[in-house]
């Protein structure tokens, strides 16, 4: 089963969910704002992807951090701690395809995957 992680009001998550529905792809949605995110899950994601790909440095949550908090993110451990504290810092959506993990939405890559 495919699991799509994100928050429902994120535009990219909305696009990804619509794409999956339009292509009749069954999936579970995990709202990590409401349902939380286990540290083990985030660790698995950072094992599968570079932590730098998971950390959303383009969003407003990152921009609202002070310079010291931003500068403190230097490795997987510090990035994970910050992403667990503020899940909005995670690039969305994260998709567990059952055999690998991806972050972000790319319709062409998803079509090739299916």
Foldseek 3Di string as FASTA:
>chain_A
DKEKEEAVVDPQQVVVVVLCVVVVHDYHYHDCVVNNDDLVRLVVQCVQPPLVLFFACPDPVNVPDDPVLVVQPDGSVSSSVVCRVPVVRTAPIWMDPVVGIDGTDDSVVVVVVD
